[in-house]
Amino acid sequence: MNIRFLVMACAFMILTNAQFDAAAQKKNFSYNFYGQVRADLFYNSRSNSETVDGLFYMYPHDSEYDSYGNDLNAKPDGNFYTMYSRLGVTVTGPKLGENISTAGCLEVDFRGGGTNYNMVRIRQAYFSLGFGQSQLLVGQTWHPFYGDVAPDILNLNMGAPYQPFSRAPQLRYRFTDKAFRMTATLLWQSQYLSVGPASNETGETSTTKSQSFIKNSCVPEIALNLDYAPKGGNWLVGAGVDMTSIVPRTQAEYQGRVSKVDERITSVSAEAHFKYVKGLWLVAGKTVLGSNFTQASGVGGYAITGYDQVTGEQEYSPVKVSSTWLNIAYGDKWRPALFFGYLKDLDSGDQVQSVLGTGISDGLQQLVTASAEITYRPAAHWKFGVEYMLCNAWYGTRTGVIETNSVMNHRVVATAIFQF
């Protein structure tokens, strides 16, 4: 029997039966089951940087010419998928002792990982303990830089690479006092990874994404966030700072010799965000100064600035990238929305030996996106929508040369969602 069919059938039976048996299974437990069946049809006018075979869109590729001067990336593509359908359950448990509340969440989709699509994948899996104004969360959930402010758009990238997008294993402490909320988080990496050398044993400058860079670091990513949302108000504003420390290599091959090396690159990123909701209006925005912040689906990386001529040990400098987005939407049953994003490599003029990263290693210097969409909700559990996106990318060299060339992609997405 097909394994995928068996897993989906089991999940369906568990969800349907659990709704009737939950009360009998565990005393003082309550369950809330949810999910969606989602279908996405998309079209691009040219080849792009993307994952999930085009569903998670990033930016258009630079021109690449054949022997006759034809741009190999100037070709359209499109596809239709349902793999972002999902299932989830939130659980409220009995108190631990007299004052500690307990809760948990398990959420999966069928996105798979890497190049293995149409497989069950954990999106969120965590438990939390509540101590009055404090809460401790242990498990995998959204990165704090994703937070409570994200674009309300049809594209599955949710605004990436302008909007940080990542779910990560973490230990999170949150303290709430009236309108203020402080969150301190220790994070590791699982499905969304930092970029580094293609091999930890060689000095190659080609890049890959791997867990080994933070695993060998033995230092988790550290984030601190502060939000202000007055009770009964329409505003949410906040800011955050993040420190990431990774180890690109533990050994190097240089001039025919293999040497143990002690390499590390530490970077600090920051963000600020706001959201205004009143009546049928939604206005939200976020600006991020990313420093080697590739683990959150962003553009960035780091430069090799020097090396030891005896051991081959390298020195690194994080590349700073600025990204900002704005989202405006109005309506309920019919809901038009606009999205604007701007990204710039702030270190594109630096003269360095080589760069490892996402986008910047290919010479991406600036990126502008504008999109317009219309969604229709005939009922609370149905959503249909069409989105048009225009994305323009400027590519150049990291040698201080001002001249750049630009490429443009036109993208259309049609989505149908049944939510339960």
Protein backbone atom coordinates (compact mmCIF):
# COMPACT_ATOMS: atom_id res chain seq x y z
CA MET A 1 0.00 0.00 0.00
CA ASN A 2 1.21 3.50 -0.80
CA ILE A 3 2.87 4.90 2.35
CA ARG A 4 1.65 8.44 1.75
CA PHE A 5 -1.95 7.24 1.38
CA LEU A 6 -1.64 5.15 4.56
CA VAL A 7 -0.30 8.09 6.60
CA MET A 8 -3.02 10.44 5.37
CA ALA A 9 -5.73 7.84 6.03
CA CYS A 10 -4.46 7.27 9.57
CA ALA A 11 -4.32 11.01 10.24
CA PHE A 12 -7.88 11.43 9.00
CA MET A 13 -9.18 8.62 11.19
CA ILE A 14 -7.35 9.96 14.22
CA LEU A 15 -8.80 13.44 13.77
CA THR A 16 -12.36 12.28 13.16
CA ASN A 17 -12.42 9.71 15.97
CA ALA A 18 -10.60 11.92 18.47
CA GLN A 19 -13.32 14.54 18.35
CA PHE A 20 -15.79 12.00 19.76
CA ASP A 21 -13.42 10.20 22.13
CA ALA A 22 -11.28 13.07 23.48
CA ALA A 23 -13.31 13.52 26.63
CA ALA A 24 -13.10 9.81 27.42
CA GLN A 25 -9.37 9.52 26.66
CA LYS A 26 -8.01 11.95 29.22
CA LYS A 27 -9.70 13.64 32.14
CA ASN A 28 -9.35 17.44 32.26
CA PHE A 29 -7.91 17.61 28.71
CA SER A 30 -9.52 19.66 25.94
CA TYR A 31 -8.68 19.40 22.23
CA ASN A 32 -9.10 21.78 19.32
CA PHE A 33 -8.57 20.20 15.90
CA TYR A 34 -7.96 22.40 12.87
CA GLY A 35 -6.52 22.30 9.39
CA GLN A 36 -6.96 23.19 5.75
CA VAL A 37 -7.10 21.71 2.29
CA ARG A 38 -5.22 24.12 0.04
CA ALA A 39 -4.67 24.17 -3.72
CA ASP A 40 -2.20 26.57 -5.42
CA LEU A 41 -1.82 27.24 -9.14
CA PHE A 42 1.04 29.54 -10.16
CA TYR A 43 2.79 30.97 -13.23
CA ASN A 44 6.18 32.72 -13.57
CA SER A 45 7.47 34.58 -16.62
CA ARG A 46 11.12 33.56 -15.94
CA SER A 47 13.28 31.23 -13.87
CA ASN A 48 13.55 32.10 -10.16
CA SER A 49 15.24 31.31 -6.87
CA GLU A 50 12.64 29.17 -5.12
CA THR A 51 11.97 26.07 -3.03
CA VAL A 52 9.25 23.42 -3.15
CA ASP A 53 9.53 23.42 -6.94
CA GLY A 54 8.28 26.99 -7.17
CA LEU A 55 5.62 27.20 -4.44
CA PHE A 56 7.92 29.12 -2.06
CA TYR A 57 9.03 32.04 -4.23
CA MET A 58 12.05 34.27 -3.55
CA TYR A 59 13.35 36.37 -6.50
CA PRO A 60 14.22 36.11 -10.25
CA HIS A 61 17.53 34.62 -11.37
CA ASP A 62 20.11 36.77 -13.12
CA SER A 63 20.52 36.46 -16.87
CA GLU A 64 22.58 33.50 -18.07
CA TYR A 65 23.40 33.41 -21.78
CA ASP A 66 23.96 30.55 -24.18
CA SER A 67 26.48 30.57 -27.04
CA TYR A 68 24.08 32.59 -29.21
CA GLY A 69 23.24 35.31 -26.70
CA ASN A 70 19.91 33.89 -25.55
CA ASP A 71 19.00 34.25 -21.87
CA LEU A 72 18.59 30.71 -20.54
CA ASN A 73 16.58 31.97 -17.55
CA ALA A 74 14.07 33.88 -19.70
CA LYS A 75 11.62 30.99 -19.75
CA PRO A 76 8.17 30.67 -18.17
CA ASP A 77 7.11 27.95 -15.75
CA GLY A 78 4.13 27.01 -13.60
CA ASN A 79 2.54 24.19 -11.66
CA PHE A 80 -0.35 23.11 -9.43
CA TYR A 81 0.06 21.71 -5.89
CA THR A 82 -1.94 20.67 -2.82
CA MET A 83 1.00 19.79 -0.55
CA TYR A 84 0.45 22.77 1.76
CA SER A 85 -2.73 21.22 3.10
CA ARG A 86 -2.28 20.71 6.84
CA LEU A 87 -3.62 19.17 10.05
CA GLY A 88 -3.17 20.37 13.60
CA VAL A 89 -4.36 20.00 17.16
CA THR A 90 -3.95 22.26 20.18
CA VAL A 91 -4.32 20.73 23.62
CA THR A 92 -5.13 22.31 26.98
CA GLY A 93 -4.13 20.03 29.82
CA PRO A 94 -4.80 19.94 33.56
CA LYS A 95 -2.80 22.18 35.85
CA LEU A 96 0.61 21.07 37.01
CA GLY A 97 0.45 21.51 40.76
CA GLU A 98 -1.86 24.32 41.83
CA ASN A 99 -0.85 27.26 39.65
CA ILE A 100 0.92 26.05 36.48
CA SER A 101 -1.26 25.81 33.36
CA THR A 102 -0.27 23.35 30.60
CA ALA A 103 -0.87 23.35 26.85
CA GLY A 104 0.58 21.91 23.66
CA CYS A 105 0.37 21.93 19.88
CA LEU A 106 1.15 19.47 17.08
CA GLU A 107 0.80 20.61 13.47
CA VAL A 108 1.86 18.85 10.24
CA ASP A 109 1.64 19.45 6.50
CA PHE A 110 2.61 17.41 3.43
CA ARG A 111 5.41 19.61 2.16
CA GLY A 112 8.22 17.18 2.97
CA GLY A 113 11.80 18.44 3.22
CA GLY A 114 14.63 19.24 0.83
CA THR A 115 13.79 17.59 -2.50
CA ASN A 116 11.45 15.01 -0.89
CA TYR A 117 8.02 16.48 -1.50
CA ASN A 118 4.58 15.10 -0.64
CA MET A 119 5.69 13.74 2.72
CA VAL A 120 4.42 14.45 6.21
CA ARG A 121 6.43 17.26 7.85
CA ILE A 122 6.23 18.70 11.35
CA ARG A 123 5.40 22.41 11.28
CA GLN A 124 4.90 22.99 14.99
CA ALA A 125 5.39 20.67 17.96
CA TYR A 126 5.65 22.20 21.42
CA PHE A 127 4.34 22.28 24.97
CA SER A 128 4.01 25.33 27.18
CA LEU A 129 3.78 26.02 30.90
CA GLY A 130 2.02 29.12 32.22
CA PHE A 131 3.02 30.83 35.48
CA GLY A 132 0.65 33.77 35.75
CA GLN A 133 2.30 36.55 33.73
CA SER A 134 5.08 34.22 32.56
CA GLN A 135 5.11 31.42 30.01
CA LEU A 136 7.76 28.85 29.10
CA LEU A 137 7.55 27.17 25.68
CA VAL A 138 9.63 24.15 24.68
CA GLY A 139 9.57 22.77 21.14
CA GLN A 140 9.30 23.94 17.54
CA THR A 141 7.30 26.99 16.53
CA TRP A 142 7.72 30.26 14.65
CA HIS A 143 10.96 32.25 14.83
CA PRO A 144 10.51 35.36 17.02
CA PHE A 145 11.43 37.60 14.05
CA TYR A 146 8.38 36.20 12.25
CA GLY A 147 6.37 37.10 15.34
CA ASP A 148 2.79 38.37 15.32
CA VAL A 149 3.31 40.69 12.33
CA ALA A 150 3.40 39.05 8.91
CA PRO A 151 1.91 40.01 5.53
CA ASP A 152 -1.64 38.84 4.82
CA ILE A 153 -1.04 37.65 1.23
CA LEU A 154 -1.74 34.56 -0.87
CA ASN A 155 1.87 33.68 -1.72
CA LEU A 156 3.13 30.92 0.56
CA ASN A 157 6.42 32.72 1.19
CA MET A 158 4.49 35.18 3.42
CA GLY A 159 6.67 38.03 2.19
CA ALA A 160 10.08 36.33 2.18
CA PRO A 161 12.85 37.30 1.63
CA TYR A 162 11.69 40.66 3.08
CA GLN A 163 9.81 38.98 5.94
CA PRO A 164 11.82 36.52 8.12
CA PHE A 165 10.26 33.07 7.66
CA SER A 166 11.31 30.16 9.84
CA ARG A 167 10.07 27.66 12.38
CA ALA A 168 12.78 26.45 14.73
CA PRO A 169 13.33 24.26 17.81
CA GLN A 170 13.52 26.63 20.76
CA LEU A 171 13.28 27.41 24.44
CA ARG A 172 11.16 30.53 24.84
CA TYR A 173 10.39 32.56 27.94
CA ARG A 174 7.68 35.22 27.69
CA PHE A 175 6.62 37.79 30.28
CA THR A 176 3.49 39.91 29.85
CA ASP A 177 2.67 42.99 31.93
CA LYS A 178 -0.48 44.80 30.80
CA ALA A 179 0.30 46.17 27.32
CA PHE A 180 3.98 45.11 27.28
CA ARG A 181 5.35 41.72 26.34
CA MET A 182 9.00 40.65 26.56
CA THR A 183 10.21 37.46 24.88
CA ALA A 184 13.63 35.82 25.29
CA THR A 185 14.40 32.83 23.07
CA LEU A 186 17.17 30.28 22.54
CA LEU A 187 16.93 28.70 19.08
CA TRP A 188 18.49 25.86 17.14
CA GLN A 189 18.00 24.85 13.51
CA SER A 190 16.07 22.01 11.88
CA GLN A 191 14.26 22.71 8.59
CA TYR A 192 15.52 26.26 8.02
CA LEU A 193 19.31 26.39 8.01
CA SER A 194 22.30 28.71 7.85
CA VAL A 195 24.41 28.87 4.72
CA GLY A 196 28.08 27.90 4.69
CA PRO A 197 30.85 26.17 2.73
CA ALA A 198 29.72 23.19 0.67
CA SER A 199 32.15 21.03 2.63
CA ASN A 200 33.57 21.48 6.13
CA GLU A 201 36.75 19.76 5.03
CA THR A 202 37.75 21.92 2.06
CA GLY A 203 38.25 25.53 1.22
CA GLU A 204 35.65 25.58 -1.56
CA THR A 205 33.55 28.72 -1.80
CA SER A 206 30.40 27.02 -3.11
CA THR A 207 27.58 27.13 -0.59
CA THR A 208 25.16 24.76 1.05
CA LYS A 209 22.66 24.78 3.90
CA SER A 210 23.48 22.48 6.80
CA GLN A 211 22.73 21.89 10.48
CA SER A 212 26.44 21.33 11.10
CA PHE A 213 27.25 25.05 11.19
CA ILE A 214 25.24 25.72 14.37
CA LYS A 215 25.74 22.17 15.68
CA ASN A 216 29.52 22.62 15.71
CA SER A 217 29.08 26.07 17.24
CA CYS A 218 27.57 24.71 20.49
CA VAL A 219 26.02 28.18 20.89
CA PRO A 220 22.29 28.57 20.19
CA GLU A 221 20.83 31.54 18.39
CA ILE A 222 19.67 34.12 20.95
CA ALA A 223 16.76 36.50 20.36
CA LEU A 224 15.18 39.20 22.52
CA ASN A 225 11.89 40.88 21.53
CA LEU A 226 9.67 43.57 23.04
CA ASP A 227 6.09 44.29 21.96
CA TYR A 228 3.55 46.92 22.97
CA ALA A 229 -0.15 46.28 22.33
CA PRO A 230 -2.60 48.28 24.49
CA LYS A 231 -5.65 46.26 25.51
CA GLY A 232 -8.64 47.19 23.39
CA GLY A 233 -6.40 49.26 21.10
CA ASN A 234 -5.79 48.94 17.40
CA TRP A 235 -1.98 49.05 17.45
CA LEU A 236 0.84 46.59 17.93
CA VAL A 237 4.41 47.87 17.76
CA GLY A 238 7.65 46.19 18.68
CA ALA A 239 11.29 45.46 17.96
CA GLY A 240 13.77 42.65 18.36
CA VAL A 241 17.46 41.76 18.26
CA ASP A 242 19.07 38.43 17.33
CA MET A 243 22.58 37.03 17.78
CA THR A 244 23.75 34.06 15.69
CA SER A 245 27.12 32.36 16.07
CA ILE A 246 28.10 29.55 13.67
CA VAL A 247 31.23 27.55 12.81
CA PRO A 248 31.77 27.35 9.04
CA ARG A 249 34.54 24.70 9.16
CA THR A 250 36.36 22.57 11.69
CA GLN A 251 39.15 21.53 9.33
CA ALA A 252 40.70 22.90 6.15
CA GLU A 253 42.67 21.49 3.24
CA TYR A 254 45.31 23.94 2.10
CA GLN A 255 48.30 23.33 -0.20
CA GLY A 256 47.86 19.58 0.08
CA ARG A 257 47.73 19.55 3.87
CA VAL A 258 44.74 19.02 6.18
CA SER A 259 44.62 21.21 9.28
CA LYS A 260 42.28 21.50 12.22
CA VAL A 261 40.97 25.07 12.28
CA ASP A 262 39.12 27.21 14.80
CA GLU A 263 36.65 29.29 12.76
CA ARG A 264 33.60 31.18 13.95
CA ILE A 265 31.41 34.00 12.70
CA THR A 266 29.08 35.88 15.05
CA SER A 267 26.50 38.33 13.76
CA VAL A 268 23.76 40.54 15.20
CA SER A 269 20.47 41.30 13.40
CA ALA A 270 17.60 43.61 14.36
CA GLU A 271 14.00 44.27 13.37
CA ALA A 272 11.12 46.67 14.06
CA HIS A 273 7.46 46.11 13.23
CA PHE A 274 3.97 47.54 13.53
CA LYS A 275 0.38 46.48 12.83
CA TYR A 276 -2.79 48.58 12.78
CA VAL A 277 -6.20 46.91 12.62
CA LYS A 278 -9.45 48.87 12.76
CA GLY A 279 -12.75 47.86 11.26
CA LEU A 280 -12.03 46.36 7.84
CA TRP A 281 -8.58 47.96 7.59
CA LEU A 282 -5.21 46.24 8.03
CA VAL A 283 -1.93 48.12 7.70
CA ALA A 284 1.26 46.35 8.71
CA GLY A 285 4.98 46.65 8.09
CA LYS A 286 8.38 45.46 9.19
CA THR A 287 11.99 46.48 8.60
CA VAL A 288 14.91 44.12 9.17
CA LEU A 289 18.65 44.69 9.30
CA GLY A 290 19.91 41.16 8.69
CA SER A 291 23.49 40.15 9.34
CA ASN A 292 24.16 36.64 7.97
CA PHE A 293 20.48 35.94 8.64
CA THR A 294 20.02 33.20 6.03
CA GLN A 295 18.37 30.74 8.45
CA ALA A 296 15.14 32.75 8.22
CA SER A 297 14.66 32.44 4.44
CA GLY A 298 16.49 35.71 3.86
CA VAL A 299 19.08 37.05 1.46
CA GLY A 300 22.51 37.30 3.05
CA GLY A 301 25.62 35.44 4.12
CA TYR A 302 29.20 36.33 4.86
CA ALA A 303 32.44 37.23 3.14
CA ILE A 304 35.83 35.54 3.39
CA THR A 305 38.12 38.42 4.35
CA GLY A 306 41.41 36.61 4.97
CA TYR A 307 43.13 33.30 5.56
CA ASP A 308 46.14 31.82 7.29
CA GLN A 309 48.75 30.90 4.66
CA VAL A 310 50.01 28.02 6.79
CA THR A 311 46.83 26.26 7.97
CA GLY A 312 44.25 27.66 5.55
CA GLU A 313 42.11 28.93 8.44
CA GLN A 314 39.80 31.67 7.19
CA GLU A 315 38.45 34.91 8.63
CA TYR A 316 34.90 36.04 7.93
CA SER A 317 32.75 39.14 7.99
CA PRO A 318 28.91 39.02 7.96
CA VAL A 319 27.16 40.78 5.09
CA LYS A 320 24.46 43.24 6.16
CA VAL A 321 21.21 43.28 4.20
CA SER A 322 18.31 45.70 4.75
CA SER A 323 14.75 44.64 3.92
CA THR A 324 11.44 46.41 4.44
CA TRP A 325 7.85 45.51 3.58
CA LEU A 326 4.42 47.16 3.80
CA ASN A 327 1.04 45.41 3.55
CA ILE A 328 -2.35 47.17 3.18
CA ALA A 329 -5.69 45.32 3.05
CA TYR A 330 -9.33 46.30 3.32
CA GLY A 331 -12.51 44.30 3.40
CA ASP A 332 -14.09 41.12 4.67
CA LYS A 333 -16.05 39.05 2.15
CA TRP A 334 -14.23 40.73 -0.73
CA ARG A 335 -10.75 41.76 0.38
CA PRO A 336 -8.28 43.56 -1.92
CA ALA A 337 -4.71 43.87 -0.65
CA LEU A 338 -1.37 45.41 -1.67
CA PHE A 339 2.16 44.37 -0.76
CA PHE A 340 5.42 46.26 -1.30
CA GLY A 341 8.94 45.08 -0.48
CA TYR A 342 12.43 46.54 -0.86
CA LEU A 343 15.76 44.83 -0.13
CA LYS A 344 19.34 46.05 -0.48
CA ASP A 345 22.75 44.49 0.09
CA LEU A 346 24.45 47.19 2.20
CA ASP A 347 27.93 45.71 1.69
CA SER A 348 27.79 45.20 -2.09
CA GLY A 349 30.60 47.70 -2.65
CA ASP A 350 33.11 45.90 -0.42
CA GLN A 351 36.08 44.31 -2.16
CA VAL A 352 36.46 40.82 -0.71
CA GLN A 353 37.89 37.51 -1.86
CA SER A 354 34.61 35.62 -2.05
CA VAL A 355 31.12 35.51 -0.58
CA LEU A 356 29.06 32.60 0.74
CA GLY A 357 25.35 33.10 1.02
CA THR A 358 21.91 33.26 -0.53
CA GLY A 359 21.48 35.74 -3.36
CA ILE A 360 24.53 37.85 -2.55
CA SER A 361 26.91 35.13 -3.78
CA ASP A 362 25.20 35.51 -7.18
CA GLY A 363 25.59 39.29 -7.12
CA LEU A 364 22.07 40.26 -6.00
CA GLN A 365 22.28 43.88 -4.85
CA GLN A 366 18.72 45.18 -4.80
CA LEU A 367 15.25 43.68 -4.94
CA VAL A 368 11.84 45.35 -5.33
CA THR A 369 8.47 43.57 -5.21
CA ALA A 370 4.95 44.89 -5.64
CA SER A 371 1.82 42.74 -5.63
CA ALA A 372 -1.94 43.17 -5.75
CA GLU A 373 -4.53 40.53 -4.86
CA ILE A 374 -8.23 40.03 -4.38
CA THR A 375 -9.71 37.34 -2.14
CA TYR A 376 -13.29 36.20 -1.78
CA ARG A 377 -14.76 34.50 1.31
CA PRO A 378 -18.25 33.12 0.61
CA ALA A 379 -18.22 31.59 4.10
CA ALA A 380 -15.93 31.62 7.13
CA HIS A 381 -14.26 28.34 6.14
CA TRP A 382 -13.75 29.08 2.42
CA LYS A 383 -11.25 31.37 0.71
CA PHE A 384 -10.54 31.96 -2.99
CA GLY A 385 -8.02 34.42 -4.34
CA VAL A 386 -5.84 35.63 -7.20
CA GLU A 387 -2.58 37.54 -6.78
CA TYR A 388 -0.34 39.29 -9.32
CA MET A 389 3.26 40.01 -8.35
CA LEU A 390 5.95 42.04 -10.12
CA CYS A 391 9.50 41.40 -8.86
CA ASN A 392 12.55 43.28 -10.13
CA ALA A 393 16.11 42.29 -9.17
CA TRP A 394 19.37 44.13 -9.77
CA TYR A 395 22.58 42.11 -10.09
CA GLY A 396 26.18 43.34 -10.10
CA THR A 397 29.63 42.55 -8.77
CA ARG A 398 30.97 43.11 -5.25
CA THR A 399 33.95 45.20 -6.38
CA GLY A 400 32.64 48.71 -5.92
CA VAL A 401 31.43 48.90 -9.53
CA ILE A 402 28.15 50.80 -9.73
CA GLU A 403 26.94 49.25 -13.00
CA THR A 404 24.23 46.64 -12.55
CA ASN A 405 21.76 44.81 -14.75
CA SER A 406 18.15 44.15 -13.84
CA VAL A 407 15.77 41.26 -14.48
CA MET A 408 12.03 41.10 -13.93
CA ASN A 409 9.54 38.35 -13.17
CA HIS A 410 5.76 38.44 -13.47
CA ARG A 411 4.07 35.94 -11.16
CA VAL A 412 0.40 34.99 -10.91
CA VAL A 413 -1.01 32.81 -8.11
CA ALA A 414 -4.54 31.41 -7.83
CA THR A 415 -5.48 29.78 -4.52
CA ALA A 416 -8.45 27.89 -3.10
CA ILE A 417 -8.59 27.02 0.63
CA PHE A 418 -11.11 24.98 2.62
CA GLN A 419 -10.47 25.56 6.33
CA PHE A 420 -11.74 23.50 9.24
